[in-house]
Amino acid sequence: MLKKTLKKRENIRRDMRILRKSLTTLQRYNESIKIFITSCNFSLFYNSTKIALFLPFDGEINTYPLILNLWKNKKKVFLPVIHSFNKKKMLFVRFFSNSILYRNKYKILEPFFKSKDIIPICDLDVIIVPLVAFDKTGSRLGMGGGFYDSFLANWQTKNFIPMGFAYNFQLVDNLPKQYWDVSLPIVLTPNKIWIF
């Protein structure tokens, strides 16, 4: 049964990644503008001052329009970085308009930072997380590294609210779940705000 579940998850992950990468530059841009408009109309952003996001990778939805708008509105933006000693742990660090970025071992962009740029988890208001697929219960399928699942474990006991960002087509009927999976209370797509 476990083998069958894992195989189904891998098939969904593979198919969704292919779909994401098949989008043209113009399609990605249009979808990023739509999700930016959706997020601007979501009150949670107005009431938040410290927001963690991700930079797009592997065909993920583009977060740059939202980041630029957050900076414009004097919000503090943070990005995930992989901890240099504990490879399964993420830190969130301040992202400035003049931050220098480099590619980590997974080829994902991270900012160079100083220790003063690290924010404690409890000080974040919102964490926008990437995902490969989600379903109508808020179940999230990531890339398989487990970084966000471990970070989001027991998020209800912390001060932040996690929120997924995805294309409309990343919604699937039913995701096979594993015990380590963390469901999201909110997912934003270009056409809809999903609240679970």
N, C-alpha and C. Protein backbone atom coordinates (compact mmCIF):
# COMPACT_ATOMS: atom_id res chain seq x y z
N MET A 1 0.83 -1.21 0.00
CA MET A 1 0.00 0.00 0.00
C MET A 1 0.87 1.27 0.00
N LEU A 2 1.91 1.27 0.87
CA LEU A 2 2.82 2.42 0.95
C LEU A 2 3.52 2.64 -0.39
N LYS A 3 3.95 1.53 -1.01
CA LYS A 3 4.64 1.62 -2.29
C LYS A 3 3.74 2.25 -3.36
N LYS A 4 2.47 1.84 -3.35
CA LYS A 4 1.50 2.35 -4.32
C LYS A 4 1.26 3.85 -4.10
N THR A 5 1.15 4.25 -2.83
CA THR A 5 0.95 5.67 -2.49
C THR A 5 2.13 6.50 -2.94
N LEU A 6 3.33 6.03 -2.64
CA LEU A 6 4.54 6.77 -3.02
C LEU A 6 4.66 6.87 -4.54
N LYS A 7 4.30 5.81 -5.24
CA LYS A 7 4.35 5.82 -6.71
C LYS A 7 3.37 6.84 -7.27
N LYS A 8 2.16 6.89 -6.70
CA LYS A 8 1.16 7.86 -7.16
C LYS A 8 1.64 9.28 -6.92
N ARG A 9 2.25 9.52 -5.76
CA ARG A 9 2.78 10.85 -5.45
C ARG A 9 3.88 11.24 -6.45
N GLU A 10 4.75 10.29 -6.75
CA GLU A 10 5.83 10.57 -7.70
C GLU A 10 5.28 10.86 -9.09
N ASN A 11 4.24 10.15 -9.50
CA ASN A 11 3.62 10.40 -10.80
C ASN A 11 3.01 11.80 -10.86
N ILE A 12 2.31 12.20 -9.79
CA ILE A 12 1.72 13.55 -9.74
C ILE A 12 2.84 14.59 -9.78
N ARG A 13 3.87 14.36 -9.00
CA ARG A 13 5.00 15.30 -8.95
C ARG A 13 5.63 15.45 -10.33
N ARG A 14 5.88 14.33 -10.98
CA ARG A 14 6.50 14.36 -12.32
C ARG A 14 5.61 15.10 -13.32
N ASP A 15 4.33 14.76 -13.35
CA ASP A 15 3.41 15.36 -14.33
C ASP A 15 3.26 16.86 -14.10
N MET A 16 3.15 17.27 -12.84
CA MET A 16 2.98 18.70 -12.55
C MET A 16 4.24 19.49 -12.89
N ARG A 17 5.39 18.92 -12.63
CA ARG A 17 6.64 19.61 -12.97
C ARG A 17 6.77 19.78 -14.48
N ILE A 18 6.35 18.77 -15.22
CA ILE A 18 6.37 18.87 -16.68
C ILE A 18 5.43 19.98 -17.15
N LEU A 19 4.22 20.02 -16.57
CA LEU A 19 3.25 21.06 -16.93
C LEU A 19 3.79 22.45 -16.62
N ARG A 20 4.38 22.62 -15.43
CA ARG A 20 4.93 23.93 -15.05
C ARG A 20 6.01 24.38 -16.03
N LYS A 21 6.90 23.45 -16.36
CA LYS A 21 8.02 23.81 -17.24
C LYS A 21 7.57 24.04 -18.68
N SER A 22 6.38 23.52 -19.06
CA SER A 22 5.91 23.66 -20.43
C SER A 22 5.32 25.05 -20.70
N LEU A 23 5.09 25.83 -19.65
CA LEU A 23 4.53 27.17 -19.84
C LEU A 23 5.54 28.07 -20.54
N THR A 24 5.05 28.93 -21.41
CA THR A 24 5.93 29.88 -22.07
C THR A 24 6.26 31.01 -21.09
N THR A 25 7.25 31.81 -21.43
CA THR A 25 7.61 32.96 -20.60
C THR A 25 6.43 33.91 -20.46
N LEU A 26 5.70 34.12 -21.54
CA LEU A 26 4.54 35.01 -21.51
C LEU A 26 3.43 34.43 -20.61
N GLN A 27 3.18 33.13 -20.71
CA GLN A 27 2.17 32.50 -19.85
C GLN A 27 2.56 32.64 -18.37
N ARG A 28 3.83 32.41 -18.07
CA ARG A 28 4.29 32.55 -16.68
C ARG A 28 4.11 33.98 -16.19
N TYR A 29 4.45 34.93 -17.05
CA TYR A 29 4.31 36.34 -16.67
C TYR A 29 2.84 36.68 -16.41
N ASN A 30 1.96 36.28 -17.30
CA ASN A 30 0.53 36.57 -17.14
C ASN A 30 -0.03 35.95 -15.86
N GLU A 31 0.37 34.70 -15.57
CA GLU A 31 -0.11 34.04 -14.36
C GLU A 31 0.44 34.73 -13.11
N SER A 32 1.69 35.19 -13.18
CA SER A 32 2.28 35.87 -12.01
C SER A 32 1.58 37.19 -11.74
N ILE A 33 1.16 37.88 -12.79
CA ILE A 33 0.43 39.14 -12.60
C ILE A 33 -0.95 38.86 -12.00
N LYS A 34 -1.61 37.80 -12.47
CA LYS A 34 -2.92 37.45 -11.92
C LYS A 34 -2.83 37.09 -10.44
N ILE A 35 -1.83 36.30 -10.07
CA ILE A 35 -1.72 35.91 -8.66
C ILE A 35 -1.30 37.10 -7.80
N PHE A 36 -0.54 38.00 -8.39
CA PHE A 36 -0.18 39.24 -7.70
C PHE A 36 -1.45 40.04 -7.39
N ILE A 37 -2.33 40.16 -8.38
CA ILE A 37 -3.59 40.91 -8.17
C ILE A 37 -4.45 40.20 -7.13
N THR A 38 -4.53 38.87 -7.20
CA THR A 38 -5.28 38.10 -6.21
C THR A 38 -4.74 38.36 -4.80
N SER A 39 -3.42 38.34 -4.67
CA SER A 39 -2.82 38.55 -3.35
C SER A 39 -3.01 39.97 -2.84
N CYS A 40 -3.00 40.94 -3.75
CA CYS A 40 -3.20 42.34 -3.35
C CYS A 40 -4.61 42.57 -2.81
N ASN A 41 -5.56 41.76 -3.26
CA ASN A 41 -6.94 41.88 -2.80
C ASN A 41 -7.23 41.03 -1.57
N PHE A 42 -6.19 40.43 -1.01
CA PHE A 42 -6.35 39.56 0.15
C PHE A 42 -5.92 40.32 1.40
N SER A 43 -6.84 40.51 2.33
CA SER A 43 -6.59 41.36 3.50
C SER A 43 -5.43 40.88 4.37
N LEU A 44 -5.13 39.59 4.33
CA LEU A 44 -4.04 39.07 5.14
C LEU A 44 -2.72 39.80 4.86
N PHE A 45 -2.52 40.21 3.62
CA PHE A 45 -1.29 40.92 3.28
C PHE A 45 -1.27 42.34 3.85
N TYR A 46 -2.43 42.99 3.90
CA TYR A 46 -2.48 44.34 4.44
C TYR A 46 -2.11 44.36 5.91
N ASN A 47 -2.50 43.33 6.63
CA ASN A 47 -2.28 43.28 8.07
C ASN A 47 -0.94 42.67 8.46
N SER A 48 -0.16 42.27 7.49
CA SER A 48 1.13 41.63 7.76
C SER A 48 2.27 42.57 7.41
N THR A 49 3.32 42.51 8.21
CA THR A 49 4.49 43.35 7.92
C THR A 49 5.73 42.53 7.58
N LYS A 50 5.78 41.27 8.05
CA LYS A 50 6.95 40.43 7.81
C LYS A 50 6.50 39.17 7.07
N ILE A 51 6.84 39.13 5.79
CA ILE A 51 6.33 38.07 4.91
C ILE A 51 7.50 37.30 4.29
N ALA A 52 7.46 35.99 4.44
CA ALA A 52 8.46 35.13 3.83
C ALA A 52 7.90 34.55 2.54
N LEU A 53 8.72 34.55 1.51
CA LEU A 53 8.33 34.02 0.20
C LEU A 53 9.42 33.12 -0.32
N PHE A 54 9.25 32.68 -1.55
CA PHE A 54 10.27 31.91 -2.24
C PHE A 54 10.53 32.58 -3.59
N LEU A 55 11.70 32.37 -4.15
CA LEU A 55 11.97 32.81 -5.51
C LEU A 55 11.66 31.66 -6.45
N PRO A 56 11.09 31.95 -7.63
CA PRO A 56 10.64 30.86 -8.51
C PRO A 56 11.78 29.98 -9.00
N PHE A 57 11.48 28.69 -9.05
CA PHE A 57 12.44 27.67 -9.46
C PHE A 57 11.67 26.53 -10.11
N ASP A 58 12.22 25.92 -11.12
CA ASP A 58 11.63 24.72 -11.73
C ASP A 58 10.22 25.00 -12.27
N GLY A 59 10.03 26.19 -12.83
CA GLY A 59 8.74 26.53 -13.42
C GLY A 59 7.69 27.01 -12.44
N GLU A 60 8.07 27.22 -11.17
CA GLU A 60 7.11 27.69 -10.16
C GLU A 60 6.57 29.07 -10.53
N ILE A 61 5.43 29.39 -9.95
CA ILE A 61 4.82 30.69 -10.20
C ILE A 61 5.75 31.80 -9.74
N ASN A 62 5.80 32.87 -10.51
CA ASN A 62 6.74 33.96 -10.27
C ASN A 62 6.27 34.85 -9.12
N THR A 63 7.12 35.01 -8.12
CA THR A 63 6.77 35.83 -6.95
C THR A 63 7.34 37.24 -7.02
N TYR A 64 8.13 37.55 -8.04
CA TYR A 64 8.78 38.87 -8.11
C TYR A 64 7.79 40.05 -8.13
N PRO A 65 6.69 39.99 -8.89
CA PRO A 65 5.76 41.13 -8.84
C PRO A 65 5.23 41.39 -7.43
N LEU A 66 4.96 40.32 -6.69
CA LEU A 66 4.48 40.49 -5.32
C LEU A 66 5.58 41.06 -4.43
N ILE A 67 6.80 40.56 -4.58
CA ILE A 67 7.92 41.06 -3.78
C ILE A 67 8.12 42.56 -4.00
N LEU A 68 8.09 42.98 -5.26
CA LEU A 68 8.26 44.41 -5.56
C LEU A 68 7.17 45.24 -4.91
N ASN A 69 5.95 44.73 -4.93
CA ASN A 69 4.84 45.46 -4.32
C ASN A 69 4.99 45.50 -2.79
N LEU A 70 5.45 44.43 -2.20
CA LEU A 70 5.66 44.41 -0.74
C LEU A 70 6.73 45.43 -0.34
N TRP A 71 7.81 45.48 -1.09
CA TRP A 71 8.85 46.49 -0.81
C TRP A 71 8.28 47.90 -0.94
N LYS A 72 7.51 48.10 -2.00
CA LYS A 72 6.91 49.42 -2.24
C LYS A 72 6.03 49.85 -1.07
N ASN A 73 5.36 48.89 -0.45
CA ASN A 73 4.46 49.18 0.67
C ASN A 73 5.13 49.01 2.03
N LYS A 74 6.49 49.06 2.01
CA LYS A 74 7.28 49.06 3.25
C LYS A 74 7.13 47.79 4.09
N LYS A 75 6.84 46.67 3.42
CA LYS A 75 6.78 45.39 4.12
C LYS A 75 8.19 44.79 4.13
N LYS A 76 8.47 43.98 5.11
CA LYS A 76 9.76 43.29 5.19
C LYS A 76 9.61 41.92 4.55
N VAL A 77 10.52 41.61 3.63
CA VAL A 77 10.46 40.38 2.85
C VAL A 77 11.62 39.47 3.28
N PHE A 78 11.31 38.18 3.41
CA PHE A 78 12.30 37.19 3.82
C PHE A 78 12.29 36.02 2.85
N LEU A 79 13.46 35.41 2.67
CA LEU A 79 13.61 34.25 1.79
C LEU A 79 14.20 33.09 2.57
N PRO A 80 13.88 31.86 2.14
CA PRO A 80 14.48 30.70 2.81
C PRO A 80 15.91 30.47 2.34
N VAL A 81 16.75 30.04 3.27
CA VAL A 81 18.10 29.56 2.93
C VAL A 81 18.30 28.25 3.67
N ILE A 82 19.06 27.37 3.07
CA ILE A 82 19.34 26.09 3.72
C ILE A 82 20.46 26.30 4.72
N HIS A 83 20.24 25.83 5.94
CA HIS A 83 21.20 25.99 7.02
C HIS A 83 22.52 25.34 6.62
N SER A 84 23.63 26.03 6.85
CA SER A 84 24.92 25.52 6.39
C SER A 84 25.41 24.29 7.16
N PHE A 85 24.94 24.12 8.41
CA PHE A 85 25.38 22.97 9.20
C PHE A 85 24.35 21.85 9.21
N ASN A 86 23.08 22.22 9.32
CA ASN A 86 22.01 21.22 9.33
C ASN A 86 21.31 21.28 7.97
N LYS A 87 21.66 20.39 7.08
CA LYS A 87 21.22 20.45 5.69
C LYS A 87 19.72 20.24 5.49
N LYS A 88 19.01 19.78 6.52
CA LYS A 88 17.57 19.59 6.40
C LYS A 88 16.79 20.73 7.06
N LYS A 89 17.50 21.77 7.49
CA LYS A 89 16.85 22.88 8.19
C LYS A 89 16.92 24.14 7.33
N MET A 90 15.83 24.89 7.34
CA MET A 90 15.80 26.17 6.64
C MET A 90 15.83 27.31 7.65
N LEU A 91 16.44 28.39 7.22
CA LEU A 91 16.37 29.66 7.94
C LEU A 91 15.68 30.64 7.02
N PHE A 92 15.09 31.69 7.58
CA PHE A 92 14.56 32.76 6.75
C PHE A 92 15.35 34.01 7.02
N VAL A 93 15.80 34.66 5.93
CA VAL A 93 16.65 35.84 6.07
C VAL A 93 16.05 37.00 5.28
N ARG A 94 16.37 38.19 5.72
CA ARG A 94 15.82 39.40 5.10
C ARG A 94 16.32 39.52 3.66
N PHE A 95 15.41 39.87 2.78
CA PHE A 95 15.71 40.04 1.36
C PHE A 95 15.49 41.50 1.01
N PHE A 96 16.57 42.16 0.61
CA PHE A 96 16.53 43.57 0.25
C PHE A 96 16.62 43.72 -1.27
N SER A 97 16.26 44.88 -1.77
CA SER A 97 16.33 45.11 -3.22
C SER A 97 17.75 45.03 -3.73
N ASN A 98 18.74 45.24 -2.86
CA ASN A 98 20.13 45.18 -3.30
C ASN A 98 20.85 43.91 -2.81
N SER A 99 20.07 42.92 -2.33
CA SER A 99 20.68 41.66 -1.89
C SER A 99 21.36 40.96 -3.06
N ILE A 100 22.49 40.36 -2.79
CA ILE A 100 23.20 39.57 -3.80
C ILE A 100 22.75 38.12 -3.66
N LEU A 101 22.40 37.52 -4.77
CA LEU A 101 21.89 36.15 -4.77
C LEU A 101 22.92 35.18 -5.33
N TYR A 102 22.87 33.96 -4.86
CA TYR A 102 23.69 32.89 -5.42
C TYR A 102 22.85 31.62 -5.47
N ARG A 103 23.28 30.62 -6.23
CA ARG A 103 22.54 29.36 -6.33
C ARG A 103 23.10 28.36 -5.32
N ASN A 104 22.20 27.78 -4.53
CA ASN A 104 22.63 26.77 -3.57
C ASN A 104 22.85 25.43 -4.27
N LYS A 105 23.08 24.37 -3.49
CA LYS A 105 23.40 23.08 -4.11
C LYS A 105 22.25 22.49 -4.90
N TYR A 106 21.02 22.99 -4.66
CA TYR A 106 19.85 22.55 -5.43
C TYR A 106 19.58 23.47 -6.62
N LYS A 107 20.45 24.44 -6.83
CA LYS A 107 20.33 25.44 -7.91
C LYS A 107 19.23 26.46 -7.66
N ILE A 108 18.81 26.60 -6.40
CA ILE A 108 17.79 27.57 -6.01
C ILE A 108 18.48 28.83 -5.53
N LEU A 109 17.97 29.99 -5.93
CA LEU A 109 18.59 31.25 -5.53
C LEU A 109 18.37 31.53 -4.05
N GLU A 110 19.46 31.94 -3.40
CA GLU A 110 19.43 32.36 -2.00
C GLU A 110 20.22 33.65 -1.87
N PRO A 111 19.85 34.52 -0.93
CA PRO A 111 20.64 35.73 -0.72
C PRO A 111 21.84 35.48 0.19
N PHE A 112 22.95 36.15 -0.08
CA PHE A 112 24.02 36.22 0.91
C PHE A 112 23.46 37.01 2.08
N PHE A 113 23.84 36.66 3.29
CA PHE A 113 23.26 37.34 4.45
C PHE A 113 24.23 37.38 5.61
N LYS A 114 23.91 38.24 6.57
CA LYS A 114 24.63 38.31 7.83
C LYS A 114 23.70 37.76 8.91
N SER A 115 24.26 37.36 10.02
CA SER A 115 23.45 36.74 11.08
C SER A 115 22.32 37.66 11.54
N LYS A 116 22.52 38.97 11.48
CA LYS A 116 21.47 39.91 11.90
C LYS A 116 20.27 39.89 10.95
N ASP A 117 20.44 39.31 9.75
CA ASP A 117 19.35 39.25 8.78
C ASP A 117 18.40 38.07 9.01
N ILE A 118 18.78 37.15 9.91
CA ILE A 118 17.95 35.97 10.19
C ILE A 118 16.79 36.39 11.10
N ILE A 119 15.59 35.93 10.76
CA ILE A 119 14.42 36.24 11.58
C ILE A 119 13.96 34.97 12.31
N PRO A 120 13.66 35.08 13.59
CA PRO A 120 13.08 33.91 14.27
C PRO A 120 11.71 33.58 13.67
N ILE A 121 11.40 32.30 13.61
CA ILE A 121 10.13 31.86 13.01
C ILE A 121 8.94 32.58 13.64
N CYS A 122 8.98 32.73 14.96
CA CYS A 122 7.83 33.31 15.67
C CYS A 122 7.59 34.77 15.31
N ASP A 123 8.55 35.41 14.64
CA ASP A 123 8.37 36.82 14.27
C ASP A 123 7.76 37.02 12.88
N LEU A 124 7.64 35.93 12.13
CA LEU A 124 7.04 36.04 10.79
C LEU A 124 5.52 36.10 10.90
N ASP A 125 4.90 36.84 9.99
CA ASP A 125 3.44 36.91 9.93
C ASP A 125 2.86 35.89 8.96
N VAL A 126 3.47 35.81 7.78
CA VAL A 126 2.99 34.92 6.71
C VAL A 126 4.20 34.24 6.08
N ILE A 127 4.05 32.96 5.77
CA ILE A 127 5.06 32.24 4.99
C ILE A 127 4.39 31.70 3.75
N ILE A 128 4.80 32.20 2.60
CA ILE A 128 4.27 31.72 1.33
C ILE A 128 5.16 30.57 0.87
N VAL A 129 4.54 29.41 0.70
CA VAL A 129 5.32 28.21 0.39
C VAL A 129 5.05 27.74 -1.04
N PRO A 130 6.10 27.22 -1.68
CA PRO A 130 5.90 26.64 -3.01
C PRO A 130 5.26 25.26 -2.88
N LEU A 131 4.67 24.80 -3.95
CA LEU A 131 4.11 23.45 -3.95
C LEU A 131 4.06 22.93 -5.38
N VAL A 132 4.01 21.62 -5.48
CA VAL A 132 3.91 20.97 -6.78
C VAL A 132 2.45 20.69 -7.11
N ALA A 133 1.68 20.33 -6.08
CA ALA A 133 0.25 20.07 -6.25
C ALA A 133 -0.45 20.27 -4.91
N PHE A 134 -1.78 20.50 -4.99
CA PHE A 134 -2.59 20.58 -3.77
C PHE A 134 -3.98 20.06 -4.10
N ASP A 135 -4.74 19.72 -3.05
CA ASP A 135 -6.11 19.27 -3.29
C ASP A 135 -7.10 20.13 -2.50
N LYS A 136 -8.37 19.79 -2.59
CA LYS A 136 -9.42 20.63 -2.00
C LYS A 136 -9.53 20.54 -0.49
N THR A 137 -8.62 19.79 0.14
CA THR A 137 -8.57 19.76 1.60
C THR A 137 -7.37 20.55 2.13
N GLY A 138 -6.57 21.10 1.20
CA GLY A 138 -5.38 21.84 1.61
C GLY A 138 -4.13 21.00 1.68
N SER A 139 -4.24 19.71 1.34
CA SER A 139 -3.04 18.86 1.32
C SER A 139 -2.07 19.40 0.28
N ARG A 140 -0.79 19.38 0.62
CA ARG A 140 0.25 19.94 -0.23
C ARG A 140 1.27 18.86 -0.59
N LEU A 141 1.65 18.83 -1.86
CA LEU A 141 2.74 17.97 -2.30
C LEU A 141 3.88 18.88 -2.73
N GLY A 142 5.03 18.72 -2.07
CA GLY A 142 6.20 19.53 -2.41
C GLY A 142 7.12 18.79 -3.37
N MET A 143 8.37 19.25 -3.42
CA MET A 143 9.35 18.67 -4.33
C MET A 143 9.93 17.36 -3.80
N GLY A 144 9.68 17.06 -2.53
CA GLY A 144 10.15 15.79 -1.99
C GLY A 144 11.32 15.89 -1.03
N GLY A 145 11.83 17.10 -0.82
CA GLY A 145 12.97 17.26 0.08
C GLY A 145 12.60 17.29 1.55
N GLY A 146 11.35 17.63 1.85
CA GLY A 146 10.90 17.66 3.23
C GLY A 146 11.23 18.93 3.99
N PHE A 147 11.83 19.92 3.33
CA PHE A 147 12.23 21.14 4.03
C PHE A 147 11.04 21.88 4.61
N TYR A 148 10.02 22.11 3.79
CA TYR A 148 8.86 22.86 4.27
C TYR A 148 8.02 22.04 5.24
N ASP A 149 7.89 20.74 5.02
CA ASP A 149 7.10 19.92 5.94
C ASP A 149 7.67 19.99 7.35
N SER A 150 8.99 19.88 7.49
CA SER A 150 9.58 19.94 8.83
C SER A 150 9.47 21.34 9.41
N PHE A 151 9.60 22.35 8.56
CA PHE A 151 9.51 23.73 9.03
C PHE A 151 8.08 24.08 9.46
N LEU A 152 7.10 23.56 8.73
CA LEU A 152 5.69 23.89 9.01
C LEU A 152 5.02 23.00 10.04
N ALA A 153 5.73 21.97 10.50
CA ALA A 153 5.13 21.06 11.49
C ALA A 153 4.61 21.86 12.68
N ASN A 154 3.38 21.58 13.08
CA ASN A 154 2.74 22.27 14.22
C ASN A 154 2.67 23.79 14.04
N TRP A 155 2.47 24.24 12.81
CA TRP A 155 2.45 25.68 12.56
C TRP A 155 1.35 26.38 13.37
N GLN A 156 0.30 25.66 13.72
CA GLN A 156 -0.82 26.25 14.46
C GLN A 156 -0.37 26.78 15.82
N THR A 157 0.72 26.26 16.36
CA THR A 157 1.21 26.71 17.67
C THR A 157 2.17 27.89 17.54
N LYS A 158 2.42 28.32 16.31
CA LYS A 158 3.35 29.43 16.07
C LYS A 158 2.55 30.65 15.63
N ASN A 159 3.22 31.75 15.42
CA ASN A 159 2.52 33.00 15.12
C ASN A 159 2.23 33.22 13.65
N PHE A 160 2.88 32.48 12.76
CA PHE A 160 2.72 32.74 11.33
C PHE A 160 1.59 31.91 10.72
N ILE A 161 1.16 32.33 9.53
CA ILE A 161 0.17 31.58 8.75
C ILE A 161 0.85 31.14 7.46
N PRO A 162 0.86 29.83 7.18
CA PRO A 162 1.42 29.37 5.91
C PRO A 162 0.38 29.47 4.79
N MET A 163 0.87 29.76 3.61
CA MET A 163 -0.03 29.95 2.47
C MET A 163 0.68 29.44 1.22
N GLY A 164 0.00 28.63 0.43
CA GLY A 164 0.59 28.13 -0.80
C GLY A 164 0.35 29.08 -1.97
N PHE A 165 1.26 29.06 -2.93
CA PHE A 165 1.13 29.79 -4.19
C PHE A 165 1.22 28.77 -5.30
N ALA A 166 0.24 28.75 -6.21
CA ALA A 166 0.25 27.72 -7.25
C ALA A 166 -0.50 28.20 -8.48
N TYR A 167 -0.23 27.55 -9.60
CA TYR A 167 -1.04 27.74 -10.80
C TYR A 167 -2.39 27.04 -10.58
N ASN A 168 -3.39 27.45 -11.34
CA ASN A 168 -4.71 26.82 -11.24
C ASN A 168 -4.65 25.31 -11.51
N PHE A 169 -3.83 24.91 -12.50
CA PHE A 169 -3.81 23.50 -12.89
C PHE A 169 -3.13 22.60 -11.86
N GLN A 170 -2.53 23.18 -10.82
CA GLN A 170 -1.86 22.36 -9.81
C GLN A 170 -2.83 21.75 -8.79
N LEU A 171 -4.10 22.10 -8.91
CA LEU A 171 -5.14 21.49 -8.08
C LEU A 171 -5.45 20.09 -8.62
N VAL A 172 -5.38 19.09 -7.74
CA VAL A 172 -5.73 17.72 -8.12
C VAL A 172 -6.89 17.25 -7.25
N ASP A 173 -7.57 16.19 -7.70
CA ASP A 173 -8.74 15.70 -6.98
C ASP A 173 -8.41 15.22 -5.57
N ASN A 174 -7.40 14.40 -5.47
CA ASN A 174 -7.09 13.81 -4.16
C ASN A 174 -5.62 13.45 -4.09
N LEU A 175 -4.90 14.08 -3.18
CA LEU A 175 -3.49 13.76 -3.00
C LEU A 175 -3.34 12.62 -1.99
N PRO A 176 -2.61 11.57 -2.36
CA PRO A 176 -2.33 10.54 -1.37
C PRO A 176 -1.40 11.12 -0.30
N LYS A 177 -1.80 11.04 0.97
CA LYS A 177 -1.04 11.68 2.04
C LYS A 177 -0.10 10.71 2.74
N GLN A 178 0.95 11.32 3.32
CA GLN A 178 1.87 10.60 4.19
C GLN A 178 1.86 11.28 5.55
N TYR A 179 2.33 10.58 6.58
CA TYR A 179 2.24 11.10 7.94
C TYR A 179 3.00 12.41 8.13
N TRP A 180 4.02 12.65 7.31
CA TRP A 180 4.82 13.87 7.47
C TRP A 180 4.22 15.08 6.75
N ASP A 181 3.21 14.87 5.94
CA ASP A 181 2.63 15.97 5.17
C ASP A 181 1.95 16.99 6.08
N VAL A 182 2.13 18.26 5.73
CA VAL A 182 1.49 19.35 6.46
C VAL A 182 0.50 20.02 5.51
N SER A 183 -0.76 20.05 5.90
CA SER A 183 -1.79 20.70 5.08
C SER A 183 -1.72 22.21 5.28
N LEU A 184 -2.13 22.94 4.26
CA LEU A 184 -2.13 24.39 4.31
C LEU A 184 -3.54 24.91 4.56
N PRO A 185 -3.66 26.01 5.31
CA PRO A 185 -4.99 26.59 5.53
C PRO A 185 -5.45 27.45 4.35
N ILE A 186 -4.49 27.91 3.53
CA ILE A 186 -4.81 28.82 2.42
C ILE A 186 -3.90 28.49 1.24
N VAL A 187 -4.46 28.49 0.04
CA VAL A 187 -3.65 28.43 -1.19
C VAL A 187 -4.18 29.50 -2.13
N LEU A 188 -3.28 30.31 -2.65
CA LEU A 188 -3.64 31.33 -3.64
C LEU A 188 -3.27 30.84 -5.03
N THR A 189 -4.22 30.94 -5.95
CA THR A 189 -3.95 30.66 -7.36
C THR A 189 -4.29 31.93 -8.14
N PRO A 190 -3.92 32.01 -9.40
CA PRO A 190 -4.25 33.22 -10.17
C PRO A 190 -5.74 33.58 -10.18
N ASN A 191 -6.62 32.58 -10.06
CA ASN A 191 -8.05 32.85 -10.17
C ASN A 191 -8.83 32.74 -8.86
N LYS A 192 -8.18 32.29 -7.78
CA LYS A 192 -8.98 32.02 -6.59
C LYS A 192 -8.13 32.01 -5.32
N ILE A 193 -8.78 32.37 -4.21
CA ILE A 193 -8.20 32.18 -2.88
C ILE A 193 -8.89 30.96 -2.28
N TRP A 194 -8.14 29.90 -2.05
CA TRP A 194 -8.68 28.68 -1.46
C TRP A 194 -8.46 28.75 0.04
N ILE A 195 -9.52 28.66 0.83
CA ILE A 195 -9.41 28.64 2.29
C ILE A 195 -9.97 27.32 2.78
N PHE A 196 -9.17 26.60 3.53
CA PHE A 196 -9.54 25.24 3.95
C PHE A 196 -9.86 25.21 5.44
